[in-house]
N, C-alpha and C. Protein backbone atom coordinates (compact mmCIF):
# COMPACT_ATOMS: atom_id res chain seq x y z
N MET A 1 -10.25 87.63 -17.48
CA MET A 1 -10.66 87.53 -16.14
C MET A 1 -12.07 88.29 -15.96
N THR A 2 -12.97 87.49 -15.31
CA THR A 2 -13.98 88.13 -14.79
C THR A 2 -14.20 88.59 -13.48
N PRO A 3 -15.02 89.52 -13.10
CA PRO A 3 -14.61 90.27 -11.82
C PRO A 3 -15.17 89.22 -10.64
N ALA A 4 -16.10 88.37 -10.80
CA ALA A 4 -16.42 87.37 -9.90
C ALA A 4 -16.01 86.06 -10.38
N VAL A 5 -15.11 85.36 -9.62
CA VAL A 5 -14.74 83.86 -10.09
C VAL A 5 -15.72 82.93 -9.74
N ASP A 6 -15.94 82.08 -10.49
CA ASP A 6 -16.79 80.84 -10.50
C ASP A 6 -16.01 79.83 -9.66
N GLU A 7 -15.90 79.63 -8.60
CA GLU A 7 -15.21 78.65 -8.01
C GLU A 7 -15.40 77.15 -8.29
N VAL A 8 -16.21 76.78 -8.81
CA VAL A 8 -16.76 75.58 -9.46
C VAL A 8 -16.49 75.16 -10.83
N ASN A 9 -16.15 76.34 -11.46
CA ASN A 9 -16.01 76.12 -12.90
C ASN A 9 -14.52 75.80 -13.26
N GLU A 10 -14.16 74.62 -13.46
CA GLU A 10 -12.74 74.34 -13.68
C GLU A 10 -12.10 75.01 -14.69
N LYS A 11 -12.97 75.00 -15.82
CA LYS A 11 -12.19 75.60 -17.05
C LYS A 11 -11.91 77.21 -16.87
N GLU A 12 -12.93 77.73 -16.06
CA GLU A 12 -12.61 79.38 -15.86
C GLU A 12 -11.35 79.34 -14.92
N LEU A 13 -11.25 78.57 -13.86
CA LEU A 13 -10.01 78.70 -12.89
C LEU A 13 -8.84 78.22 -13.86
N ARG A 14 -8.90 77.18 -14.58
CA ARG A 14 -7.61 76.96 -15.42
C ARG A 14 -7.33 78.17 -16.21
N ASP A 15 -8.36 78.76 -17.09
CA ASP A 15 -8.00 79.89 -17.82
C ASP A 15 -7.50 81.02 -16.88
N ASN A 16 -7.79 81.31 -15.77
CA ASN A 16 -7.47 82.26 -14.95
C ASN A 16 -6.09 82.00 -14.40
N ALA A 17 -5.80 80.74 -14.14
CA ALA A 17 -4.37 80.59 -13.79
C ALA A 17 -3.31 80.61 -15.04
N GLU A 18 -3.64 80.26 -16.05
CA GLU A 18 -2.92 80.45 -17.29
C GLU A 18 -2.70 81.88 -17.64
N PHE A 19 -3.68 82.62 -17.56
CA PHE A 19 -3.88 84.09 -17.71
C PHE A 19 -2.78 84.67 -16.80
N LEU A 20 -2.75 84.46 -15.50
CA LEU A 20 -1.75 85.00 -14.57
C LEU A 20 -0.49 84.65 -14.89
N LEU A 21 -0.30 83.34 -15.32
CA LEU A 21 1.33 83.00 -15.67
C LEU A 21 1.64 83.60 -16.79
N GLU A 22 0.81 84.18 -17.86
CA GLU A 22 1.17 84.84 -19.02
C GLU A 22 1.50 86.31 -18.40
N VAL A 23 0.79 86.94 -17.41
CA VAL A 23 1.23 88.19 -16.71
C VAL A 23 2.44 88.13 -16.27
N VAL A 24 2.84 87.00 -15.45
CA VAL A 24 4.00 87.01 -14.72
C VAL A 24 5.30 86.73 -15.84
N ASP A 25 4.93 85.95 -16.73
CA ASP A 25 5.94 85.92 -17.81
C ASP A 25 6.40 87.10 -18.43
N ARG A 26 5.29 87.98 -18.97
CA ARG A 26 5.52 89.19 -19.47
C ARG A 26 6.27 90.26 -18.72
N TYR A 27 5.80 90.33 -17.37
CA TYR A 27 6.43 91.24 -16.41
C TYR A 27 7.97 90.91 -16.24
N TYR A 28 8.28 89.61 -16.01
CA TYR A 28 9.58 89.28 -16.06
C TYR A 28 10.45 89.75 -17.27
N GLU A 29 9.80 89.23 -18.38
CA GLU A 29 10.39 89.49 -19.87
C GLU A 29 10.68 91.14 -19.82
N THR A 30 9.65 91.77 -19.45
CA THR A 30 9.81 93.44 -19.57
C THR A 30 10.90 93.82 -18.73
N ALA A 31 10.79 93.48 -17.37
CA ALA A 31 11.71 94.07 -16.49
C ALA A 31 13.16 93.75 -16.92
N VAL A 32 13.33 92.41 -17.24
CA VAL A 32 14.83 92.06 -17.55
C VAL A 32 15.35 92.78 -18.73
N ARG A 33 14.34 92.87 -19.88
CA ARG A 33 14.86 93.62 -20.93
C ARG A 33 15.02 95.16 -20.72
N ALA A 34 14.20 95.82 -19.76
CA ALA A 34 14.66 97.06 -19.43
C ALA A 34 15.80 97.26 -18.69
N ILE A 35 16.03 96.41 -17.92
CA ILE A 35 17.46 96.24 -17.30
C ILE A 35 18.68 96.27 -18.06
N LYS A 36 18.57 95.24 -18.94
CA LYS A 36 19.66 94.84 -19.93
C LYS A 36 19.98 95.84 -20.81
N ARG A 37 18.74 96.80 -21.14
CA ARG A 37 19.07 97.69 -22.05
C ARG A 37 20.25 98.71 -21.73
N TYR A 38 20.24 99.05 -20.49
CA TYR A 38 21.28 99.86 -19.79
C TYR A 38 22.43 99.18 -19.21
N ASP A 39 22.35 97.86 -19.06
CA ASP A 39 23.41 97.12 -18.39
C ASP A 39 23.42 95.80 -18.76
N GLU A 40 24.09 95.48 -19.87
CA GLU A 40 23.80 94.11 -20.44
C GLU A 40 24.38 92.96 -19.49
N THR A 41 25.56 93.44 -18.53
CA THR A 41 26.07 92.50 -17.78
C THR A 41 25.33 92.34 -16.23
N HIS A 42 24.35 93.05 -15.94
CA HIS A 42 23.72 93.24 -15.00
C HIS A 42 23.16 91.89 -14.43
N MET A 43 23.40 91.42 -12.97
CA MET A 43 23.04 90.06 -12.71
C MET A 43 21.38 90.21 -12.30
N ILE A 44 20.57 89.43 -12.76
CA ILE A 44 19.22 89.63 -12.60
C ILE A 44 18.75 88.32 -11.48
N LEU A 45 18.47 89.07 -10.35
CA LEU A 45 17.91 88.15 -9.28
C LEU A 45 16.41 88.09 -9.47
N GLY A 46 15.66 88.87 -9.61
CA GLY A 46 14.34 88.89 -9.65
C GLY A 46 13.73 89.11 -8.25
N ASN A 47 12.51 88.96 -8.03
CA ASN A 47 11.88 89.10 -6.85
C ASN A 47 12.10 87.70 -6.02
N LYS A 48 12.04 87.96 -4.72
CA LYS A 48 12.26 86.79 -3.81
C LYS A 48 10.93 85.83 -3.60
N LEU A 49 11.16 84.61 -4.21
CA LEU A 49 10.05 83.88 -4.02
C LEU A 49 10.08 83.13 -2.53
N ASN A 50 8.77 83.27 -1.92
CA ASN A 50 8.65 82.83 -0.53
C ASN A 50 8.61 81.37 -0.31
N GLY A 51 9.67 80.68 0.03
CA GLY A 51 9.77 79.31 0.26
C GLY A 51 8.91 78.84 1.38
N ASN A 52 8.67 79.79 2.39
CA ASN A 52 7.74 79.36 3.62
C ASN A 52 6.31 79.09 3.23
N THR A 53 5.87 79.92 2.30
CA THR A 53 4.39 79.66 1.72
C THR A 53 4.22 78.85 0.59
N GLY A 54 5.24 78.33 0.05
CA GLY A 54 5.21 77.63 -1.08
C GLY A 54 4.86 78.39 -2.41
N VAL A 55 5.81 78.02 -3.35
CA VAL A 55 5.78 78.79 -4.74
C VAL A 55 5.45 77.81 -5.63
N PRO A 56 4.30 77.98 -6.66
CA PRO A 56 3.93 77.07 -7.64
C PRO A 56 5.09 76.83 -8.45
N ASP A 57 5.20 75.59 -8.87
CA ASP A 57 6.33 75.11 -9.72
C ASP A 57 6.27 75.94 -11.05
N GLU A 58 5.21 76.46 -11.52
CA GLU A 58 5.06 77.30 -12.77
C GLU A 58 5.84 78.73 -12.60
N ILE A 59 5.66 79.26 -11.42
CA ILE A 59 6.37 80.53 -11.12
C ILE A 59 7.94 80.32 -10.85
N VAL A 60 8.19 79.17 -10.31
CA VAL A 60 9.79 78.95 -10.36
C VAL A 60 10.38 78.59 -11.48
N LYS A 61 9.72 78.08 -12.50
CA LYS A 61 10.13 77.77 -13.92
C LYS A 61 9.97 79.11 -14.45
N LEU A 62 9.31 79.94 -14.43
CA LEU A 62 9.24 81.43 -15.22
C LEU A 62 10.55 82.44 -14.49
N ALA A 63 10.73 82.02 -13.11
CA ALA A 63 11.79 82.78 -12.66
C ALA A 63 13.02 82.21 -13.37
N GLY A 64 13.23 80.89 -13.39
CA GLY A 64 14.46 80.40 -13.88
C GLY A 64 14.58 80.79 -15.42
N LYS A 65 13.52 80.97 -15.87
CA LYS A 65 13.58 81.22 -17.60
C LYS A 65 14.00 82.66 -17.64
N HIS A 66 13.96 83.72 -16.73
CA HIS A 66 14.19 84.82 -16.83
C HIS A 66 15.43 85.50 -16.14
N MET A 67 15.58 84.82 -15.07
CA MET A 67 16.43 85.39 -14.00
C MET A 67 17.79 84.51 -14.09
N ASP A 68 19.02 85.07 -13.57
CA ASP A 68 20.18 84.56 -13.45
C ASP A 68 20.25 83.26 -12.44
N LEU A 69 19.48 83.37 -11.56
CA LEU A 69 19.50 82.45 -10.51
C LEU A 69 18.04 82.48 -9.66
N VAL A 70 17.73 81.56 -8.98
CA VAL A 70 16.58 81.33 -8.28
C VAL A 70 16.76 82.08 -7.06
N PHE A 71 16.27 83.07 -6.69
CA PHE A 71 16.31 84.34 -5.54
C PHE A 71 15.09 83.90 -4.51
N TYR A 72 15.25 83.19 -3.58
CA TYR A 72 14.22 82.84 -2.60
C TYR A 72 14.42 83.31 -1.22
N GLN A 73 13.38 83.28 -0.32
CA GLN A 73 13.72 83.49 0.97
C GLN A 73 12.88 82.09 1.55
N PHE A 74 13.60 81.87 2.82
CA PHE A 74 12.94 80.69 3.43
C PHE A 74 13.57 80.88 4.92
N TYR A 75 12.71 80.95 6.01
CA TYR A 75 13.07 80.66 7.39
C TYR A 75 12.90 79.62 7.81
N GLY A 76 13.83 78.79 7.86
CA GLY A 76 13.85 77.39 8.43
C GLY A 76 15.22 76.72 8.49
N ARG A 77 15.35 75.57 9.26
CA ARG A 77 16.63 74.91 9.12
C ARG A 77 16.97 74.25 7.91
N TYR A 78 18.14 73.77 7.73
CA TYR A 78 18.47 72.99 6.39
C TYR A 78 17.38 72.03 6.07
N ALA A 79 17.16 71.13 6.88
CA ALA A 79 16.39 69.92 6.68
C ALA A 79 14.90 70.30 5.93
N GLU A 80 14.49 71.51 6.76
CA GLU A 80 13.23 72.01 6.21
C GLU A 80 13.31 72.75 4.71
N GLN A 81 14.56 73.34 4.22
CA GLN A 81 14.71 73.89 3.04
C GLN A 81 15.18 72.79 1.97
N ALA A 82 15.79 71.86 2.33
CA ALA A 82 16.37 70.93 1.42
C ALA A 82 15.65 70.40 0.34
N ALA A 83 14.27 70.15 0.52
CA ALA A 83 13.29 69.90 -0.49
C ALA A 83 13.10 70.89 -1.51
N THR A 84 12.77 71.99 -0.93
CA THR A 84 12.55 73.21 -1.95
C THR A 84 13.93 73.76 -2.92
N LEU A 85 15.12 73.38 -2.26
CA LEU A 85 16.37 73.58 -2.92
C LEU A 85 16.44 72.56 -4.06
N ASP A 86 16.26 71.37 -3.82
CA ASP A 86 16.25 70.08 -4.67
C ASP A 86 15.34 70.52 -5.99
N LYS A 87 13.89 70.98 -5.56
CA LYS A 87 13.16 71.20 -6.54
C LYS A 87 13.28 72.45 -7.31
N ASP A 88 13.68 73.33 -6.93
CA ASP A 88 13.97 74.78 -7.52
C ASP A 88 15.37 74.38 -8.36
N ALA A 89 16.48 73.82 -8.06
CA ALA A 89 17.46 73.69 -8.93
C ALA A 89 17.07 72.69 -10.11
N GLU A 90 16.23 71.65 -9.76
CA GLU A 90 15.65 70.76 -10.90
C GLU A 90 14.82 71.31 -11.88
N LEU A 91 13.98 72.22 -11.45
CA LEU A 91 12.88 72.96 -12.21
C LEU A 91 13.68 73.94 -13.24
N THR A 92 14.64 74.52 -12.76
CA THR A 92 15.31 75.67 -13.47
C THR A 92 16.71 75.37 -14.10
N GLY A 93 17.32 74.44 -13.38
CA GLY A 93 18.79 74.23 -13.91
C GLY A 93 19.78 75.48 -13.49
N LYS A 94 19.19 76.08 -12.55
CA LYS A 94 19.89 77.47 -12.05
C LYS A 94 20.43 77.47 -10.78
N ALA A 95 21.20 78.27 -10.40
CA ALA A 95 21.92 78.44 -8.95
C ALA A 95 20.66 78.88 -8.21
N VAL A 96 20.65 78.59 -6.82
CA VAL A 96 19.86 79.18 -5.84
C VAL A 96 20.71 79.88 -4.78
N PHE A 97 19.79 80.92 -4.33
CA PHE A 97 20.30 81.91 -3.37
C PHE A 97 19.20 82.26 -2.36
N ASN A 98 19.46 81.88 -1.07
CA ASN A 98 18.52 82.50 -0.10
C ASN A 98 18.84 83.91 0.32
N GLY A 99 17.80 84.69 -0.08
CA GLY A 99 18.17 86.17 0.13
C GLY A 99 17.47 86.81 1.37
N ASP A 100 16.86 85.84 2.24
CA ASP A 100 16.24 86.14 3.61
C ASP A 100 15.86 85.14 4.34
N SER A 101 16.59 85.08 5.46
CA SER A 101 16.58 84.18 6.41
C SER A 101 17.14 84.31 7.79
N ALA A 102 16.92 83.79 8.86
CA ALA A 102 17.76 83.86 10.01
C ALA A 102 17.05 83.00 11.11
N TYR A 103 17.75 82.87 12.28
CA TYR A 103 17.34 82.00 13.32
C TYR A 103 17.04 82.99 14.47
N ALA A 104 16.31 82.72 15.45
CA ALA A 104 15.84 83.80 16.44
C ALA A 104 16.18 83.16 17.79
N VAL A 105 16.25 83.90 18.69
CA VAL A 105 16.02 83.68 20.16
C VAL A 105 15.31 84.33 20.88
N PRO A 106 14.04 83.91 21.09
CA PRO A 106 13.00 84.74 21.80
C PRO A 106 13.61 85.09 23.08
N ASP A 107 13.03 86.18 23.64
CA ASP A 107 13.37 86.95 25.00
C ASP A 107 12.46 87.87 25.32
N GLU A 108 12.51 88.58 26.48
CA GLU A 108 11.45 89.58 26.87
C GLU A 108 11.18 90.57 26.08
N HIS A 109 12.19 91.03 25.02
CA HIS A 109 12.06 92.10 24.18
C HIS A 109 11.79 91.64 22.86
N MET A 110 12.03 90.35 22.49
CA MET A 110 11.75 89.75 21.46
C MET A 110 10.90 88.53 21.53
N ARG A 111 9.50 88.74 21.71
CA ARG A 111 8.66 87.83 22.20
C ARG A 111 8.17 86.77 21.00
N ASN A 112 8.33 87.31 19.83
CA ASN A 112 7.95 86.53 18.66
C ASN A 112 8.44 86.78 17.39
N PRO A 113 9.99 86.59 17.31
CA PRO A 113 10.78 87.01 16.27
C PRO A 113 10.36 86.30 14.99
N TYR A 114 10.76 86.72 13.66
CA TYR A 114 10.69 85.97 12.60
C TYR A 114 11.74 84.72 12.55
N GLY A 115 11.66 83.69 11.86
CA GLY A 115 12.50 82.61 11.98
C GLY A 115 12.22 81.49 12.97
N SER A 116 12.94 80.64 12.56
CA SER A 116 12.87 79.33 13.71
C SER A 116 13.39 79.73 14.75
N HIS A 117 12.84 79.36 16.19
CA HIS A 117 13.30 79.90 17.42
C HIS A 117 14.07 78.93 17.98
N CYS A 118 15.34 79.33 18.46
CA CYS A 118 16.39 78.70 19.04
C CYS A 118 15.92 78.78 20.74
N ARG A 119 16.64 77.97 21.51
CA ARG A 119 16.50 77.87 22.80
C ARG A 119 17.43 78.83 23.64
N ASP A 120 18.66 79.06 22.81
CA ASP A 120 19.48 80.10 23.38
C ASP A 120 20.48 80.33 22.14
N GLN A 121 21.43 81.42 22.18
CA GLN A 121 22.50 81.87 21.26
C GLN A 121 23.47 80.61 20.85
N GLU A 122 23.65 79.80 21.67
CA GLU A 122 24.70 78.79 21.15
C GLU A 122 23.78 77.94 20.43
N GLU A 123 22.61 77.54 20.58
CA GLU A 123 21.99 76.77 19.58
C GLU A 123 21.81 77.40 18.24
N ARG A 124 21.40 78.66 18.37
CA ARG A 124 21.33 79.62 17.16
C ARG A 124 22.52 79.40 16.41
N ALA A 125 23.81 79.70 16.98
CA ALA A 125 25.20 79.34 16.19
C ALA A 125 25.28 78.11 15.56
N GLU A 126 24.81 76.92 16.42
CA GLU A 126 24.84 75.70 15.83
C GLU A 126 23.94 75.61 14.65
N TRP A 127 22.80 76.00 14.84
CA TRP A 127 21.96 75.94 13.64
C TRP A 127 22.43 76.73 12.38
N PHE A 128 23.03 77.68 12.50
CA PHE A 128 23.94 78.56 11.35
C PHE A 128 24.84 77.68 10.79
N ARG A 129 25.67 77.13 11.73
CA ARG A 129 26.84 76.22 11.19
C ARG A 129 26.38 75.12 10.19
N GLU A 130 25.22 74.54 11.01
CA GLU A 130 24.59 73.13 10.23
C GLU A 130 23.97 73.77 8.80
N PHE A 131 23.53 74.83 8.68
CA PHE A 131 22.66 75.37 7.44
C PHE A 131 23.86 75.67 6.28
N VAL A 132 24.85 76.56 6.72
CA VAL A 132 25.80 77.07 5.97
C VAL A 132 26.79 75.80 5.63
N THR A 133 26.99 74.89 6.41
CA THR A 133 27.88 73.73 5.97
C THR A 133 27.28 72.75 4.95
N GLN A 134 26.08 72.45 5.20
CA GLN A 134 25.40 71.69 4.13
C GLN A 134 24.77 72.52 3.04
N ALA A 135 24.32 73.61 2.96
CA ALA A 135 23.83 74.25 1.81
C ALA A 135 25.23 74.63 0.88
N PHE A 136 26.08 75.35 1.47
CA PHE A 136 27.19 75.54 0.68
C PHE A 136 27.97 74.38 -0.18
N ALA A 137 27.78 73.11 0.40
CA ALA A 137 28.31 71.94 -0.19
C ALA A 137 27.71 71.68 -1.47
N ARG A 138 26.38 72.20 -1.67
CA ARG A 138 25.53 71.91 -2.79
C ARG A 138 26.26 72.81 -3.97
N PRO A 139 26.30 71.91 -5.16
CA PRO A 139 26.86 72.74 -6.24
C PRO A 139 26.16 73.92 -6.64
N GLU A 140 24.89 73.80 -6.59
CA GLU A 140 23.90 75.10 -7.19
C GLU A 140 23.66 76.08 -5.96
N PHE A 141 24.12 75.91 -4.69
CA PHE A 141 23.86 76.93 -3.83
C PHE A 141 25.00 77.83 -3.76
N VAL A 142 24.60 79.26 -4.00
CA VAL A 142 25.53 80.26 -4.10
C VAL A 142 25.61 81.41 -3.06
N GLY A 143 24.55 81.46 -1.99
CA GLY A 143 24.53 82.48 -1.20
C GLY A 143 23.32 82.52 -0.26
N TRP A 144 23.78 83.06 0.93
CA TRP A 144 22.59 83.22 1.90
C TRP A 144 22.79 84.51 2.52
N ASN A 145 21.75 85.39 2.68
CA ASN A 145 21.61 86.60 3.36
C ASN A 145 20.83 86.35 4.61
N TRP A 146 21.65 86.68 5.68
CA TRP A 146 21.01 87.02 7.17
C TRP A 146 20.17 88.14 7.07
N CYS A 147 19.01 88.09 7.62
CA CYS A 147 18.10 88.96 7.80
C CYS A 147 18.19 89.80 9.03
N GLY A 148 18.42 90.87 9.08
CA GLY A 148 18.68 91.66 10.37
C GLY A 148 20.02 91.57 10.80
N TRP A 149 20.60 92.94 10.99
CA TRP A 149 21.86 93.25 11.66
C TRP A 149 21.49 93.49 13.19
N MET A 150 20.37 94.08 13.57
CA MET A 150 20.15 94.55 15.05
C MET A 150 18.74 94.12 15.28
N ASP A 151 18.50 93.64 16.47
CA ASP A 151 17.20 93.27 16.87
C ASP A 151 16.27 94.52 16.89
N SER A 152 15.05 94.25 16.50
CA SER A 152 14.02 95.15 16.65
C SER A 152 13.10 95.00 17.72
N TRP A 153 13.42 95.95 18.72
CA TRP A 153 12.65 95.69 19.97
C TRP A 153 11.21 96.48 19.98
N GLU A 154 11.10 97.40 18.87
CA GLU A 154 9.95 98.04 18.92
C GLU A 154 8.72 97.48 19.46
N GLU A 155 8.12 98.13 20.22
CA GLU A 155 6.74 97.58 20.81
C GLU A 155 5.67 97.64 19.77
N ARG A 156 5.67 98.44 18.83
CA ARG A 156 4.68 98.39 17.74
C ARG A 156 4.51 97.02 16.84
N GLN A 157 5.60 96.62 16.98
CA GLN A 157 6.04 95.30 16.28
C GLN A 157 5.15 94.09 17.05
N VAL A 158 4.05 94.02 17.05
CA VAL A 158 3.38 93.11 17.77
C VAL A 158 3.41 91.70 17.19
N ASN A 159 3.33 91.59 15.87
CA ASN A 159 3.31 90.32 15.39
C ASN A 159 4.68 89.46 15.31
N LYS A 160 5.44 90.03 14.57
CA LYS A 160 6.85 89.38 14.50
C LYS A 160 7.96 90.58 14.54
N GLN A 161 9.08 90.16 15.08
CA GLN A 161 10.26 91.02 15.09
C GLN A 161 11.50 90.59 14.54
N HIS A 162 12.31 91.45 13.95
CA HIS A 162 13.57 91.01 13.28
C HIS A 162 14.53 90.64 14.42
N SER A 163 15.19 89.55 14.27
CA SER A 163 16.38 89.17 15.18
C SER A 163 17.73 89.28 14.47
N GLY A 164 18.40 90.15 15.06
CA GLY A 164 19.79 90.50 14.43
C GLY A 164 20.84 89.71 15.07
N ILE A 165 22.08 90.13 14.84
CA ILE A 165 23.24 89.68 15.21
C ILE A 165 23.79 90.44 16.36
N GLN A 166 22.93 91.62 16.79
CA GLN A 166 23.38 92.42 17.98
C GLN A 166 22.06 92.89 18.51
N ASP A 167 22.15 93.41 19.65
CA ASP A 167 21.01 94.00 20.35
C ASP A 167 20.98 95.62 19.93
N PRO A 168 19.73 96.36 20.13
CA PRO A 168 19.83 97.74 20.06
C PRO A 168 21.02 98.52 20.53
N PHE A 169 21.79 98.08 21.50
CA PHE A 169 22.78 98.86 22.14
C PHE A 169 24.32 98.68 21.36
N GLY A 170 24.08 97.78 20.41
CA GLY A 170 25.48 97.42 19.65
C GLY A 170 26.16 96.30 20.26
N ARG A 171 25.50 95.56 21.22
CA ARG A 171 26.06 94.52 22.11
C ARG A 171 26.02 93.14 21.03
N LYS A 172 27.09 92.76 20.51
CA LYS A 172 26.98 91.56 19.54
C LYS A 172 26.59 90.18 20.49
N TYR A 173 26.00 89.46 19.74
CA TYR A 173 25.66 87.93 20.17
C TYR A 173 26.95 87.15 19.73
N GLU A 174 27.84 87.18 20.47
CA GLU A 174 29.14 86.38 20.36
C GLU A 174 28.97 84.97 19.59
N PRO A 175 28.04 84.10 20.01
CA PRO A 175 28.19 82.85 19.21
C PRO A 175 27.78 82.97 18.05
N ILE A 176 26.80 83.57 17.52
CA ILE A 176 26.48 83.92 16.04
C ILE A 176 27.72 84.51 15.43
N THR A 177 28.11 85.60 15.98
CA THR A 177 29.18 86.36 15.17
C THR A 177 30.33 85.60 15.11
N ARG A 178 30.61 84.74 16.14
CA ARG A 178 31.89 83.89 15.88
C ARG A 178 31.78 82.90 14.95
N ALA A 179 30.47 82.17 14.85
CA ALA A 179 30.19 81.30 13.74
C ALA A 179 30.14 81.86 12.43
N MET A 180 29.63 83.08 12.18
CA MET A 180 29.79 83.66 11.00
C MET A 180 31.28 84.10 10.42
N ALA A 181 31.92 84.39 11.46
CA ALA A 181 33.42 84.78 11.02
C ALA A 181 34.25 83.42 10.72
N GLU A 182 33.80 82.30 11.51
CA GLU A 182 34.55 81.10 11.13
C GLU A 182 34.22 80.60 9.82
N PHE A 183 32.96 80.67 9.48
CA PHE A 183 32.32 80.35 8.32
C PHE A 183 32.79 81.06 7.12
N GLY A 184 33.02 82.27 7.41
CA GLY A 184 33.68 83.10 6.21
C GLY A 184 34.98 82.82 5.81
N GLY A 185 35.71 82.11 6.92
CA GLY A 185 37.21 81.68 6.55
C GLY A 185 37.19 80.38 5.71
N LYS A 186 36.13 79.67 5.96
CA LYS A 186 36.09 78.23 5.11
C LYS A 186 35.16 78.20 4.00
N VAL A 187 34.38 79.20 3.73
CA VAL A 187 33.40 79.03 2.85
C VAL A 187 33.67 78.35 1.39
N TYR A 188 34.98 78.81 0.93
CA TYR A 188 35.30 78.16 -0.50
C TYR A 188 35.78 76.81 -0.34
N SER A 189 36.33 76.32 0.90
CA SER A 189 36.66 74.97 1.08
C SER A 189 35.50 74.13 1.06
N ILE A 190 34.51 74.74 1.79
CA ILE A 190 33.08 73.84 2.14
C ILE A 190 32.60 73.87 0.48
N ALA A 191 32.55 74.88 -0.30
CA ALA A 191 31.93 74.81 -1.54
C ALA A 191 32.66 74.02 -2.54
N ARG A 192 33.93 73.72 -2.27
CA ARG A 192 34.77 73.00 -3.17
C ARG A 192 34.58 71.46 -2.74
N GLY A 193 34.21 71.15 -1.48
CA GLY A 193 33.97 69.76 -1.03
C GLY A 193 35.26 69.34 -0.69
């Protein structure tokens, strides 16, 4: 790779892209080998692939080559994620796990939180139910991690804030916690279809 990339030289751009894929492939191979040296049964999730920014198919394939599943993050409703889930499962033949997602309700303390913005806590709970019911019915979908236990009201977070299932004083948002508890009681029946 040269210090300055010639943006019009397609051969150089292709060479650089292929080199970067070799670097990623070697990184994954080395990291997995090091972990397995000490624990052969360790489940390898890998790094989270950011579904919101789009991940090149070649990187998804490399993750699938080395990891036990496709570990991604995507802040969005099920309809927004479905195409990514389809593509990642098809490219890798592996299970998929959303390791970072949430739905948010903006208010005076949370003016611009991460995630899709709901109008109120009831809609937030409904979006959660919609997602988990559809995603966990897929045979390759194995997990979803809600990002944030507690709202982050810190004023220094001017760009985005994390939206939790309770406020900083420990008051739970009943609609979402109730929806999560209900889902927990039926996750296996949803997964079995």
